N, C-alpha and C. Protein backbone atom coordinates (compact mmCIF):
# COMPACT_ATOMS: atom_id res chain seq x y z
N MET A 1 -6.40 -17.04 -22.73
CA MET A 1 -5.55 -17.59 -21.70
C MET A 1 -5.41 -16.57 -20.58
N SER A 2 -5.22 -17.06 -19.39
CA SER A 2 -5.02 -16.16 -18.27
C SER A 2 -3.84 -16.64 -17.42
N ILE A 3 -3.31 -15.71 -16.65
CA ILE A 3 -2.19 -16.00 -15.74
C ILE A 3 -2.57 -15.43 -14.38
N TRP A 4 -2.30 -16.16 -13.33
CA TRP A 4 -2.41 -15.57 -12.00
C TRP A 4 -1.32 -16.15 -11.13
N TRP A 5 -0.87 -15.35 -10.18
CA TRP A 5 0.14 -15.80 -9.23
C TRP A 5 -0.09 -15.08 -7.93
N SER A 6 0.40 -15.72 -6.86
CA SER A 6 0.27 -15.14 -5.53
C SER A 6 1.59 -15.35 -4.80
N LEU A 7 2.04 -14.29 -4.13
CA LEU A 7 3.29 -14.34 -3.37
C LEU A 7 3.00 -14.05 -1.91
N HIS A 8 3.68 -14.74 -1.05
CA HIS A 8 3.65 -14.48 0.38
C HIS A 8 5.04 -13.93 0.70
N LEU A 9 5.11 -12.64 1.03
CA LEU A 9 6.40 -11.97 1.17
C LEU A 9 6.62 -11.45 2.58
N ARG A 10 7.88 -11.45 3.01
CA ARG A 10 8.24 -10.84 4.29
C ARG A 10 8.11 -9.33 4.19
N ARG A 11 7.77 -8.70 5.29
CA ARG A 11 7.68 -7.24 5.34
C ARG A 11 9.08 -6.67 5.43
N GLU A 12 9.79 -6.75 4.34
CA GLU A 12 11.15 -6.22 4.24
C GLU A 12 11.25 -5.46 2.92
N ALA A 13 12.03 -4.40 2.93
CA ALA A 13 12.17 -3.56 1.74
C ALA A 13 12.62 -4.36 0.51
N ALA A 14 13.42 -5.38 0.69
CA ALA A 14 13.92 -6.17 -0.44
C ALA A 14 12.81 -6.92 -1.17
N SER A 15 11.67 -7.10 -0.54
CA SER A 15 10.57 -7.81 -1.20
C SER A 15 9.89 -6.97 -2.28
N VAL A 16 9.98 -5.66 -2.18
CA VAL A 16 9.28 -4.77 -3.13
C VAL A 16 9.80 -4.95 -4.55
N PRO A 17 11.11 -4.84 -4.80
CA PRO A 17 11.57 -5.04 -6.19
C PRO A 17 11.36 -6.47 -6.69
N LEU A 18 11.34 -7.44 -5.79
CA LEU A 18 11.06 -8.82 -6.20
C LEU A 18 9.66 -8.92 -6.81
N ALA A 19 8.67 -8.38 -6.12
CA ALA A 19 7.29 -8.41 -6.62
C ALA A 19 7.19 -7.65 -7.94
N ARG A 20 7.84 -6.50 -8.00
CA ARG A 20 7.79 -5.67 -9.21
C ARG A 20 8.40 -6.41 -10.40
N ARG A 21 9.57 -7.02 -10.21
CA ARG A 21 10.23 -7.74 -11.31
C ARG A 21 9.41 -8.93 -11.79
N LEU A 22 8.78 -9.64 -10.85
CA LEU A 22 7.94 -10.77 -11.24
C LEU A 22 6.76 -10.30 -12.09
N LEU A 23 6.13 -9.20 -11.70
CA LEU A 23 5.02 -8.67 -12.48
C LEU A 23 5.48 -8.24 -13.87
N ILE A 24 6.57 -7.49 -13.95
CA ILE A 24 7.07 -7.03 -15.24
C ILE A 24 7.42 -8.22 -16.13
N GLY A 25 8.07 -9.23 -15.56
CA GLY A 25 8.43 -10.42 -16.33
C GLY A 25 7.21 -11.15 -16.88
N ALA A 26 6.20 -11.32 -16.04
CA ALA A 26 4.99 -12.01 -16.48
C ALA A 26 4.29 -11.21 -17.58
N MET A 27 4.22 -9.90 -17.41
CA MET A 27 3.53 -9.07 -18.40
C MET A 27 4.31 -9.01 -19.71
N ASP A 28 5.64 -8.95 -19.63
CA ASP A 28 6.46 -8.95 -20.83
C ASP A 28 6.30 -10.27 -21.59
N THR A 29 6.35 -11.38 -20.86
CA THR A 29 6.20 -12.69 -21.47
C THR A 29 4.82 -12.84 -22.12
N ALA A 30 3.80 -12.30 -21.48
CA ALA A 30 2.44 -12.39 -22.01
C ALA A 30 2.24 -11.47 -23.21
N GLY A 31 3.06 -10.42 -23.34
CA GLY A 31 2.93 -9.51 -24.47
C GLY A 31 2.19 -8.22 -24.17
N VAL A 32 2.14 -7.84 -22.90
CA VAL A 32 1.46 -6.59 -22.52
C VAL A 32 2.32 -5.41 -22.96
N ASP A 33 1.66 -4.36 -23.40
CA ASP A 33 2.33 -3.13 -23.81
C ASP A 33 3.24 -2.64 -22.67
N PRO A 34 4.49 -2.25 -22.97
CA PRO A 34 5.43 -1.83 -21.93
C PRO A 34 4.97 -0.64 -21.10
N ASP A 35 4.23 0.29 -21.68
CA ASP A 35 3.75 1.44 -20.91
C ASP A 35 2.74 1.01 -19.84
N VAL A 36 1.87 0.08 -20.18
CA VAL A 36 0.90 -0.44 -19.22
C VAL A 36 1.64 -1.22 -18.13
N SER A 37 2.60 -2.04 -18.53
CA SER A 37 3.40 -2.80 -17.56
C SER A 37 4.10 -1.88 -16.59
N TYR A 38 4.66 -0.80 -17.10
CA TYR A 38 5.36 0.15 -16.24
C TYR A 38 4.40 0.79 -15.23
N ASP A 39 3.24 1.26 -15.71
CA ASP A 39 2.26 1.87 -14.80
C ASP A 39 1.88 0.91 -13.68
N LEU A 40 1.57 -0.33 -14.04
CA LEU A 40 1.17 -1.31 -13.02
C LEU A 40 2.32 -1.67 -12.09
N SER A 41 3.54 -1.70 -12.61
CA SER A 41 4.67 -2.03 -11.75
C SER A 41 4.94 -0.93 -10.73
N VAL A 42 4.75 0.33 -11.12
CA VAL A 42 4.91 1.44 -10.17
C VAL A 42 3.81 1.37 -9.12
N ALA A 43 2.57 1.14 -9.56
CA ALA A 43 1.46 1.02 -8.61
C ALA A 43 1.70 -0.13 -7.64
N LEU A 44 2.16 -1.28 -8.15
CA LEU A 44 2.46 -2.42 -7.28
C LEU A 44 3.56 -2.08 -6.30
N SER A 45 4.60 -1.41 -6.75
CA SER A 45 5.70 -1.02 -5.86
C SER A 45 5.19 -0.14 -4.72
N GLU A 46 4.31 0.79 -5.03
CA GLU A 46 3.76 1.67 -4.00
C GLU A 46 2.90 0.89 -3.00
N ALA A 47 2.08 -0.02 -3.50
CA ALA A 47 1.24 -0.83 -2.61
C ALA A 47 2.09 -1.73 -1.72
N CYS A 48 3.13 -2.32 -2.28
CA CYS A 48 4.03 -3.17 -1.48
C CYS A 48 4.79 -2.34 -0.45
N ALA A 49 5.26 -1.16 -0.84
CA ALA A 49 5.97 -0.30 0.10
C ALA A 49 5.07 0.09 1.27
N ASN A 50 3.78 0.34 0.99
CA ASN A 50 2.84 0.64 2.07
C ASN A 50 2.67 -0.56 3.00
N ALA A 51 2.60 -1.76 2.43
CA ALA A 51 2.46 -2.96 3.25
C ALA A 51 3.70 -3.17 4.12
N VAL A 52 4.88 -2.93 3.56
CA VAL A 52 6.12 -3.08 4.32
C VAL A 52 6.17 -2.07 5.46
N GLU A 53 5.80 -0.83 5.17
CA GLU A 53 5.90 0.21 6.18
C GLU A 53 4.79 0.17 7.22
N HIS A 54 3.56 -0.11 6.80
CA HIS A 54 2.41 0.00 7.70
C HIS A 54 1.75 -1.33 8.02
N GLY A 55 2.29 -2.44 7.54
CA GLY A 55 1.62 -3.73 7.61
C GLY A 55 1.52 -4.39 8.95
N GLY A 56 2.18 -3.89 9.97
CA GLY A 56 2.06 -4.46 11.30
C GLY A 56 2.95 -5.68 11.49
N ALA A 57 3.30 -5.92 12.72
CA ALA A 57 4.15 -7.06 13.07
C ALA A 57 3.32 -8.30 13.30
N ALA A 58 3.91 -9.42 13.04
CA ALA A 58 3.26 -10.70 13.29
C ALA A 58 3.35 -11.02 14.78
N PRO A 59 2.50 -11.93 15.27
CA PRO A 59 2.61 -12.32 16.68
C PRO A 59 4.02 -12.82 16.99
N GLY A 60 4.51 -12.47 18.15
CA GLY A 60 5.85 -12.87 18.54
C GLY A 60 6.90 -11.83 18.20
N GLY A 61 6.46 -10.69 17.64
CA GLY A 61 7.39 -9.61 17.36
C GLY A 61 8.18 -9.75 16.08
N THR A 62 7.85 -10.75 15.23
CA THR A 62 8.58 -10.88 13.97
C THR A 62 8.08 -9.83 12.99
N SER A 63 8.78 -9.70 11.89
CA SER A 63 8.46 -8.63 10.95
C SER A 63 7.14 -8.84 10.22
N GLY A 64 6.58 -10.02 10.24
CA GLY A 64 5.31 -10.26 9.57
C GLY A 64 5.47 -10.48 8.08
N ALA A 65 4.35 -10.56 7.42
CA ALA A 65 4.35 -10.83 5.99
C ALA A 65 3.17 -10.11 5.34
N TYR A 66 3.19 -10.10 4.03
CA TYR A 66 2.05 -9.59 3.27
C TYR A 66 1.92 -10.45 2.02
N ARG A 67 0.78 -10.32 1.37
CA ARG A 67 0.48 -11.16 0.21
C ARG A 67 0.20 -10.28 -1.00
N VAL A 68 0.75 -10.68 -2.16
CA VAL A 68 0.50 -10.02 -3.43
C VAL A 68 -0.11 -11.06 -4.36
N THR A 69 -1.22 -10.72 -4.97
CA THR A 69 -1.85 -11.60 -5.95
C THR A 69 -2.10 -10.79 -7.22
N ALA A 70 -1.75 -11.35 -8.36
CA ALA A 70 -1.97 -10.68 -9.64
C ALA A 70 -2.70 -11.61 -10.60
N TYR A 71 -3.64 -11.05 -11.34
CA TYR A 71 -4.42 -11.78 -12.32
C TYR A 71 -4.32 -11.04 -13.65
N LEU A 72 -3.86 -11.71 -14.68
CA LEU A 72 -3.91 -11.18 -16.04
C LEU A 72 -4.92 -12.06 -16.75
N ASP A 73 -6.05 -11.49 -17.09
CA ASP A 73 -7.12 -12.29 -17.67
C ASP A 73 -7.82 -11.48 -18.75
N GLY A 74 -7.71 -11.93 -19.96
CA GLY A 74 -8.37 -11.23 -21.05
C GLY A 74 -7.79 -9.84 -21.23
N GLU A 75 -8.62 -8.85 -21.01
CA GLU A 75 -8.20 -7.48 -21.26
C GLU A 75 -7.93 -6.69 -19.99
N LYS A 76 -7.78 -7.38 -18.86
CA LYS A 76 -7.59 -6.66 -17.60
C LYS A 76 -6.55 -7.34 -16.73
N CYS A 77 -5.83 -6.52 -15.98
CA CYS A 77 -4.94 -7.02 -14.94
C CYS A 77 -5.46 -6.51 -13.61
N ARG A 78 -5.60 -7.39 -12.65
CA ARG A 78 -6.05 -7.03 -11.31
C ARG A 78 -4.97 -7.44 -10.33
N ILE A 79 -4.60 -6.53 -9.44
CA ILE A 79 -3.57 -6.78 -8.44
C ILE A 79 -4.15 -6.50 -7.07
N GLU A 80 -3.82 -7.36 -6.11
CA GLU A 80 -4.26 -7.17 -4.73
C GLU A 80 -3.07 -7.33 -3.81
N VAL A 81 -2.94 -6.40 -2.87
CA VAL A 81 -1.90 -6.46 -1.84
C VAL A 81 -2.60 -6.41 -0.49
N ALA A 82 -2.36 -7.41 0.35
CA ALA A 82 -3.01 -7.50 1.66
C ALA A 82 -1.96 -7.69 2.74
N ASP A 83 -2.10 -6.95 3.84
CA ASP A 83 -1.16 -7.07 4.95
C ASP A 83 -1.91 -7.42 6.23
N SER A 84 -1.20 -7.49 7.34
CA SER A 84 -1.81 -7.84 8.63
C SER A 84 -1.72 -6.70 9.63
N GLY A 85 -1.63 -5.48 9.13
CA GLY A 85 -1.51 -4.31 10.00
C GLY A 85 -2.85 -3.83 10.51
N PRO A 86 -2.89 -2.57 10.96
CA PRO A 86 -4.12 -2.03 11.53
C PRO A 86 -5.21 -1.73 10.50
N GLY A 87 -4.88 -1.73 9.24
CA GLY A 87 -5.87 -1.45 8.21
C GLY A 87 -6.03 0.04 7.98
N PHE A 88 -6.95 0.35 7.08
CA PHE A 88 -7.23 1.75 6.77
C PHE A 88 -8.22 2.29 7.79
N PRO A 89 -7.95 3.46 8.36
CA PRO A 89 -8.88 4.03 9.34
C PRO A 89 -10.26 4.26 8.74
N GLY A 90 -11.28 3.79 9.44
CA GLY A 90 -12.66 4.02 9.02
C GLY A 90 -13.13 3.20 7.84
N ALA A 91 -12.34 2.25 7.36
CA ALA A 91 -12.75 1.42 6.23
C ALA A 91 -13.07 0.02 6.73
N ALA A 92 -14.33 -0.35 6.69
CA ALA A 92 -14.73 -1.68 7.13
C ALA A 92 -14.67 -2.68 5.99
N ALA A 93 -15.06 -2.24 4.82
CA ALA A 93 -15.09 -3.12 3.65
C ALA A 93 -14.46 -2.37 2.48
N PRO A 94 -14.01 -3.09 1.47
CA PRO A 94 -13.40 -2.42 0.33
C PRO A 94 -14.34 -1.37 -0.27
N ALA A 95 -13.81 -0.21 -0.53
CA ALA A 95 -14.58 0.88 -1.13
C ALA A 95 -13.94 1.23 -2.47
N PRO A 96 -14.74 1.23 -3.55
CA PRO A 96 -14.16 1.56 -4.85
C PRO A 96 -13.79 3.03 -4.92
N VAL A 97 -12.72 3.28 -5.64
CA VAL A 97 -12.27 4.65 -5.88
C VAL A 97 -12.03 4.75 -7.38
N ALA A 98 -12.81 5.56 -8.06
CA ALA A 98 -12.69 5.68 -9.51
C ALA A 98 -11.47 6.50 -9.89
N ARG A 99 -10.91 6.19 -11.03
CA ARG A 99 -9.76 6.93 -11.54
C ARG A 99 -10.14 8.39 -11.70
N GLY A 100 -9.23 9.26 -11.35
CA GLY A 100 -9.46 10.68 -11.48
C GLY A 100 -10.15 11.31 -10.28
N CYS A 101 -10.67 10.48 -9.36
CA CYS A 101 -11.26 11.04 -8.16
C CYS A 101 -10.14 11.62 -7.31
N PRO A 102 -10.39 12.74 -6.66
CA PRO A 102 -9.31 13.32 -5.87
C PRO A 102 -8.92 12.41 -4.72
N PRO A 103 -7.64 12.39 -4.37
CA PRO A 103 -7.20 11.58 -3.24
C PRO A 103 -7.77 12.15 -1.96
N PRO A 104 -7.72 11.38 -0.85
CA PRO A 104 -8.30 11.87 0.40
C PRO A 104 -7.61 13.12 0.91
N ARG A 105 -6.41 13.35 0.48
CA ARG A 105 -5.69 14.58 0.83
C ARG A 105 -4.74 14.89 -0.32
N PRO A 106 -4.30 16.11 -0.43
CA PRO A 106 -3.39 16.43 -1.54
C PRO A 106 -2.10 15.61 -1.43
N PRO A 107 -1.45 15.37 -2.57
CA PRO A 107 -0.17 14.67 -2.51
C PRO A 107 0.82 15.45 -1.66
N ALA A 108 1.78 14.74 -1.14
CA ALA A 108 2.80 15.35 -0.29
C ALA A 108 3.58 16.42 -1.04
N ALA A 109 4.20 17.29 -0.28
CA ALA A 109 5.04 18.33 -0.88
C ALA A 109 6.25 17.69 -1.55
N GLU A 110 6.85 18.41 -2.48
CA GLU A 110 8.00 17.88 -3.23
C GLU A 110 9.14 17.45 -2.32
N THR A 111 9.29 18.09 -1.19
CA THR A 111 10.40 17.78 -0.29
C THR A 111 10.10 16.61 0.65
N ASP A 112 8.83 16.18 0.73
CA ASP A 112 8.48 15.05 1.60
C ASP A 112 8.96 13.74 0.98
N GLU A 113 9.36 12.80 1.83
CA GLU A 113 9.79 11.49 1.35
C GLU A 113 8.68 10.47 1.37
N HIS A 114 7.54 10.78 1.93
CA HIS A 114 6.41 9.85 2.03
C HIS A 114 5.13 10.58 1.65
N GLY A 115 4.05 9.81 1.45
CA GLY A 115 2.74 10.40 1.30
C GLY A 115 2.18 10.46 -0.11
N ARG A 116 2.82 9.81 -1.07
CA ARG A 116 2.32 9.86 -2.44
C ARG A 116 1.81 8.51 -2.95
N GLY A 117 1.98 7.45 -2.18
CA GLY A 117 1.70 6.10 -2.67
C GLY A 117 0.28 5.88 -3.15
N LEU A 118 -0.71 6.13 -2.31
CA LEU A 118 -2.09 5.89 -2.71
C LEU A 118 -2.51 6.83 -3.84
N TRP A 119 -2.01 8.04 -3.81
CA TRP A 119 -2.31 8.99 -4.88
C TRP A 119 -1.77 8.46 -6.21
N LEU A 120 -0.53 7.95 -6.21
CA LEU A 120 0.05 7.41 -7.44
C LEU A 120 -0.74 6.20 -7.95
N ILE A 121 -1.12 5.32 -7.03
CA ILE A 121 -1.89 4.14 -7.43
C ILE A 121 -3.19 4.57 -8.10
N ARG A 122 -3.87 5.55 -7.51
CA ARG A 122 -5.13 6.05 -8.09
C ARG A 122 -4.91 6.65 -9.48
N GLU A 123 -3.78 7.29 -9.68
CA GLU A 123 -3.51 7.91 -10.97
C GLU A 123 -3.11 6.89 -12.04
N LEU A 124 -2.48 5.80 -11.65
CA LEU A 124 -1.95 4.82 -12.61
C LEU A 124 -2.91 3.69 -12.94
N ALA A 125 -3.86 3.41 -12.07
CA ALA A 125 -4.79 2.31 -12.28
C ALA A 125 -6.15 2.85 -12.75
N ASP A 126 -6.96 1.97 -13.32
CA ASP A 126 -8.30 2.37 -13.75
C ASP A 126 -9.32 2.32 -12.62
N HIS A 127 -9.23 1.33 -11.76
CA HIS A 127 -10.13 1.19 -10.62
C HIS A 127 -9.31 0.79 -9.40
N VAL A 128 -9.62 1.38 -8.26
CA VAL A 128 -8.90 1.10 -7.02
C VAL A 128 -9.91 0.83 -5.92
N GLN A 129 -9.64 -0.18 -5.09
CA GLN A 129 -10.45 -0.44 -3.91
C GLN A 129 -9.54 -0.50 -2.70
N LEU A 130 -9.92 0.20 -1.64
CA LEU A 130 -9.21 0.17 -0.37
C LEU A 130 -10.15 -0.41 0.67
N GLY A 131 -9.64 -1.27 1.51
CA GLY A 131 -10.49 -1.83 2.55
C GLY A 131 -9.68 -2.55 3.60
N ASN A 132 -10.39 -3.15 4.52
CA ASN A 132 -9.78 -3.92 5.59
C ASN A 132 -10.26 -5.36 5.53
N LYS A 133 -9.36 -6.28 5.86
CA LYS A 133 -9.74 -7.69 5.90
C LYS A 133 -10.67 -7.92 7.08
N PRO A 134 -11.71 -8.72 6.89
CA PRO A 134 -12.57 -9.04 8.02
C PRO A 134 -11.84 -9.94 9.02
N GLY A 135 -12.26 -9.90 10.25
CA GLY A 135 -11.66 -10.78 11.27
C GLY A 135 -10.40 -10.21 11.85
N ARG A 136 -9.27 -10.82 11.51
CA ARG A 136 -7.99 -10.45 12.13
C ARG A 136 -7.50 -9.07 11.74
N GLY A 137 -8.04 -8.49 10.73
CA GLY A 137 -7.64 -7.15 10.33
C GLY A 137 -6.54 -7.14 9.29
N GLY A 138 -6.16 -5.96 8.93
CA GLY A 138 -5.16 -5.76 7.89
C GLY A 138 -5.75 -4.99 6.74
N ALA A 139 -4.92 -4.28 6.05
CA ALA A 139 -5.35 -3.49 4.90
C ALA A 139 -5.33 -4.34 3.64
N VAL A 140 -6.24 -4.03 2.73
CA VAL A 140 -6.27 -4.66 1.41
C VAL A 140 -6.43 -3.53 0.39
N ILE A 141 -5.53 -3.50 -0.56
CA ILE A 141 -5.68 -2.58 -1.68
C ILE A 141 -5.68 -3.41 -2.95
N SER A 142 -6.69 -3.18 -3.78
CA SER A 142 -6.73 -3.87 -5.06
C SER A 142 -6.95 -2.83 -6.14
N PHE A 143 -6.33 -3.09 -7.27
CA PHE A 143 -6.45 -2.15 -8.38
C PHE A 143 -6.37 -2.91 -9.69
N ASP A 144 -7.00 -2.35 -10.71
CA ASP A 144 -6.94 -3.01 -12.01
C ASP A 144 -6.76 -1.98 -13.10
N LYS A 145 -6.35 -2.50 -14.24
CA LYS A 145 -6.09 -1.66 -15.40
C LYS A 145 -6.42 -2.46 -16.65
N ILE A 146 -7.05 -1.79 -17.60
CA ILE A 146 -7.32 -2.41 -18.90
C ILE A 146 -5.97 -2.56 -19.62
N LEU A 147 -5.74 -3.73 -20.18
CA LEU A 147 -4.47 -4.03 -20.83
C LEU A 147 -4.46 -3.62 -22.29
N LYS A 148 -3.31 -3.22 -22.74
CA LYS A 148 -3.02 -3.04 -24.16
C LYS A 148 -1.95 -4.07 -24.49
N TRP A 149 -2.01 -4.62 -25.67
CA TRP A 149 -1.11 -5.71 -26.04
C TRP A 149 -0.19 -5.29 -27.17
N ARG A 150 1.01 -5.88 -27.15
CA ARG A 150 1.93 -5.73 -28.29
C ARG A 150 1.35 -6.53 -29.47
N GLU A 151 1.80 -6.17 -30.66
CA GLU A 151 1.36 -6.88 -31.87
C GLU A 151 1.68 -8.37 -31.81
N ASP A 152 2.84 -8.72 -31.23
CA ASP A 152 3.30 -10.11 -31.19
C ASP A 152 2.91 -10.82 -29.88
N ALA A 153 1.92 -10.32 -29.18
CA ALA A 153 1.57 -10.87 -27.86
C ALA A 153 1.06 -12.30 -27.96
N PRO A 154 1.71 -13.24 -27.26
CA PRO A 154 1.26 -14.63 -27.31
C PRO A 154 -0.06 -14.86 -26.58
N LEU A 155 -0.41 -14.01 -25.62
CA LEU A 155 -1.63 -14.22 -24.85
C LEU A 155 -2.74 -13.25 -25.23
N MET A 156 -2.55 -12.47 -26.27
CA MET A 156 -3.55 -11.48 -26.66
C MET A 156 -4.84 -12.19 -27.02
N THR A 157 -5.93 -11.61 -26.52
CA THR A 157 -7.24 -12.20 -26.82
C THR A 157 -7.65 -11.83 -28.23
N ALA A 158 -8.36 -12.72 -28.86
CA ALA A 158 -8.79 -12.47 -30.24
C ALA A 158 -10.05 -11.65 -30.29
């Protein structure tokens, strides 16, 4: 069995915990191991926070929106966050980033309040892709992680 959902969210800080809670709830209901759920929820929170902060305004000066899509299928969870901002500099198409590969720059200093999001996502997920949407633009980050299941998982694959 598989589960997928997609959210269209306003670029507002309050949308980040909403997306995170929905993911945790779906994974808990499906029977995903809590440690894996936690890792993915932190990665999702970071991706959503980046979309809120850097996602660009919609035409007419409104705050705009971004989209979160999650797929739990078999032994993998894949999450994609797409916004309508300027995109990633120099990225025309999604580029895979393997786990453990160094981030494009060192993580921020302990006293910095920003600058750790993509680094955290790379550390928490198994595969990460960063890219820009064709046409109108916007950044797309997708990441996946191999799932571990609880013993009593209703959706665990045989």
